[in-house]
Amino acid sequence: MSFPLNKSALARTYFPELASHQACNRLRRWILRCEELHEELIKANYRPQQRHLTPRQLRLILYYLGEP
């Protein structure tokens, strides 16, 4: 399965019942609650306000949060 690098689209795959901005907010909270993921994303130059993820950032999210 192919996953989008657009953070909003990825958030909607995790939370399809929510509006785009709500899905992004929930994904952001999940990232912050998973301290290991958050630390690894920071090392991968992740910024919460970025709209697109790098392939490495996407792999980290999928590894720690699992596939949607």
C-alpha atoms as a PDB file:
ATOM      1  CA  MET A   1       0.000   0.000   0.000  1.00  0.00           C
ATOM      2  CA  SER A   2       1.234   3.468  -0.882  1.00  0.00           C
ATOM      3  CA  PHE A   3       0.899   6.273   1.649  1.00  0.00           C
ATOM      4  CA  PRO A   4       0.769  10.002   0.872  1.00  0.00           C
ATOM      5  CA  LEU A   5       3.599  12.351   1.792  1.00  0.00           C
ATOM      6  CA  ASN A   6       1.061  15.128   2.325  1.00  0.00           C
ATOM      7  CA  LYS A   7       0.534  15.304   6.090  1.00  0.00           C
ATOM      8  CA  SER A   8      -3.134  16.213   5.765  1.00  0.00           C
ATOM      9  CA  ALA A   9      -3.852  13.276   3.464  1.00  0.00           C
ATOM     10  CA  LEU A  10      -1.976  10.918   5.792  1.00  0.00           C
ATOM     11  CA  ALA A  11      -3.951  12.207   8.781  1.00  0.00           C
ATOM     12  CA  ARG A  12      -7.191  11.506   6.909  1.00  0.00           C
ATOM     13  CA  THR A  13      -6.114   7.887   6.345  1.00  0.00           C
ATOM     14  CA  TYR A  14      -5.776   7.492  10.128  1.00  0.00           C
ATOM     15  CA  PHE A  15      -8.974   9.418  10.899  1.00  0.00           C
ATOM     16  CA  PRO A  16     -11.287   9.236   7.861  1.00  0.00           C
ATOM     17  CA  GLU A  17     -14.334  10.268   9.890  1.00  0.00           C
ATOM     18  CA  LEU A  18     -12.823  13.670  10.775  1.00  0.00           C
ATOM     19  CA  ALA A  19     -12.476  16.858   8.780  1.00  0.00           C
ATOM     20  CA  SER A  20      -8.992  17.490   7.436  1.00  0.00           C
ATOM     21  CA  HIS A  21      -7.948  20.027  10.092  1.00  0.00           C
ATOM     22  CA  GLN A  22      -9.328  17.823  12.889  1.00  0.00           C
ATOM     23  CA  ALA A  23      -7.466  14.792  11.531  1.00  0.00           C
ATOM     24  CA  CYS A  24      -4.235  16.801  11.406  1.00  0.00           C
ATOM     25  CA  ASN A  25      -4.710  17.963  14.988  1.00  0.00           C
ATOM     26  CA  ARG A  26      -5.323  14.426  16.195  1.00  0.00           C
ATOM     27  CA  LEU A  27      -2.263  13.095  14.324  1.00  0.00           C
ATOM     28  CA  ARG A  28      -0.192  15.885  15.874  1.00  0.00           C
ATOM     29  CA  ARG A  29      -1.387  14.862  19.356  1.00  0.00           C
ATOM     30  CA  TRP A  30      -0.551  11.203  18.661  1.00  0.00           C
ATOM     31  CA  ILE A  31       2.939  12.222  17.558  1.00  0.00           C
ATOM     32  CA  LEU A  32       3.478  14.302  20.709  1.00  0.00           C
ATOM     33  CA  ARG A  33       2.226  11.503  22.986  1.00  0.00           C
ATOM     34  CA  CYS A  34       4.621   8.982  21.449  1.00  0.00           C
ATOM     35  CA  GLU A  35       7.856  10.430  22.823  1.00  0.00           C
ATOM     36  CA  GLU A  36      10.135   8.082  20.876  1.00  0.00           C
ATOM     37  CA  LEU A  37       8.404   8.949  17.604  1.00  0.00           C
ATOM     38  CA  HIS A  38       8.538  12.661  18.365  1.00  0.00           C
ATOM     39  CA  GLU A  39      12.258  12.497  19.158  1.00  0.00           C
ATOM     40  CA  GLU A  40      13.002  10.529  15.982  1.00  0.00           C
ATOM     41  CA  LEU A  41      10.960  12.943  13.868  1.00  0.00           C
ATOM     42  CA  ILE A  42      12.845  15.918  15.314  1.00  0.00           C
ATOM     43  CA  LYS A  43      16.109  14.187  14.368  1.00  0.00           C
ATOM     44  CA  ALA A  44      14.633  13.807  10.860  1.00  0.00           C
ATOM     45  CA  ASN A  45      14.097  17.603  10.683  1.00  0.00           C
ATOM     46  CA  TYR A  46      10.350  17.414  11.265  1.00  0.00           C
ATOM     47  CA  ARG A  47       8.532  20.657  12.037  1.00  0.00           C
ATOM     48  CA  PRO A  48       4.891  20.522  13.180  1.00  0.00           C
ATOM     49  CA  GLN A  49       3.872  23.243  10.717  1.00  0.00           C
ATOM     50  CA  GLN A  50       5.232  21.489   7.625  1.00  0.00           C
ATOM     51  CA  ARG A  51       2.615  20.324   5.127  1.00  0.00           C
ATOM     52  CA  HIS A  52       4.608  17.563   3.467  1.00  0.00           C
ATOM     53  CA  LEU A  53       6.550  14.712   5.023  1.00  0.00           C
ATOM     54  CA  THR A  54       9.830  13.323   3.808  1.00  0.00           C
ATOM     55  CA  PRO A  55       9.893   9.611   3.017  1.00  0.00           C
ATOM     56  CA  ARG A  56      11.937   9.055   6.200  1.00  0.00           C
ATOM     57  CA  GLN A  57       9.419  10.939   8.350  1.00  0.00           C
ATOM     58  CA  LEU A  58       6.580   8.921   6.829  1.00  0.00           C
ATOM     59  CA  ARG A  59       8.399   5.642   7.554  1.00  0.00           C
ATOM     60  CA  LEU A  60       8.915   6.703  11.169  1.00  0.00           C
ATOM     61  CA  ILE A  61       5.246   7.538  11.630  1.00  0.00           C
ATOM     62  CA  LEU A  62       4.168   4.219  10.123  1.00  0.00           C
ATOM     63  CA  TYR A  63       6.705   2.316  12.236  1.00  0.00           C
ATOM     64  CA  TYR A  64       5.636   3.855  15.554  1.00  0.00           C
ATOM     65  CA  LEU A  65       1.913   4.322  14.940  1.00  0.00           C
ATOM     66  CA  GLY A  66       1.325   1.370  12.645  1.00  0.00           C
ATOM     67  CA  GLU A  67      -0.479   1.415   9.341  1.00  0.00           C
ATOM     68  CA  PRO A  68      -3.872   3.122   9.340  1.00  0.00           C
END
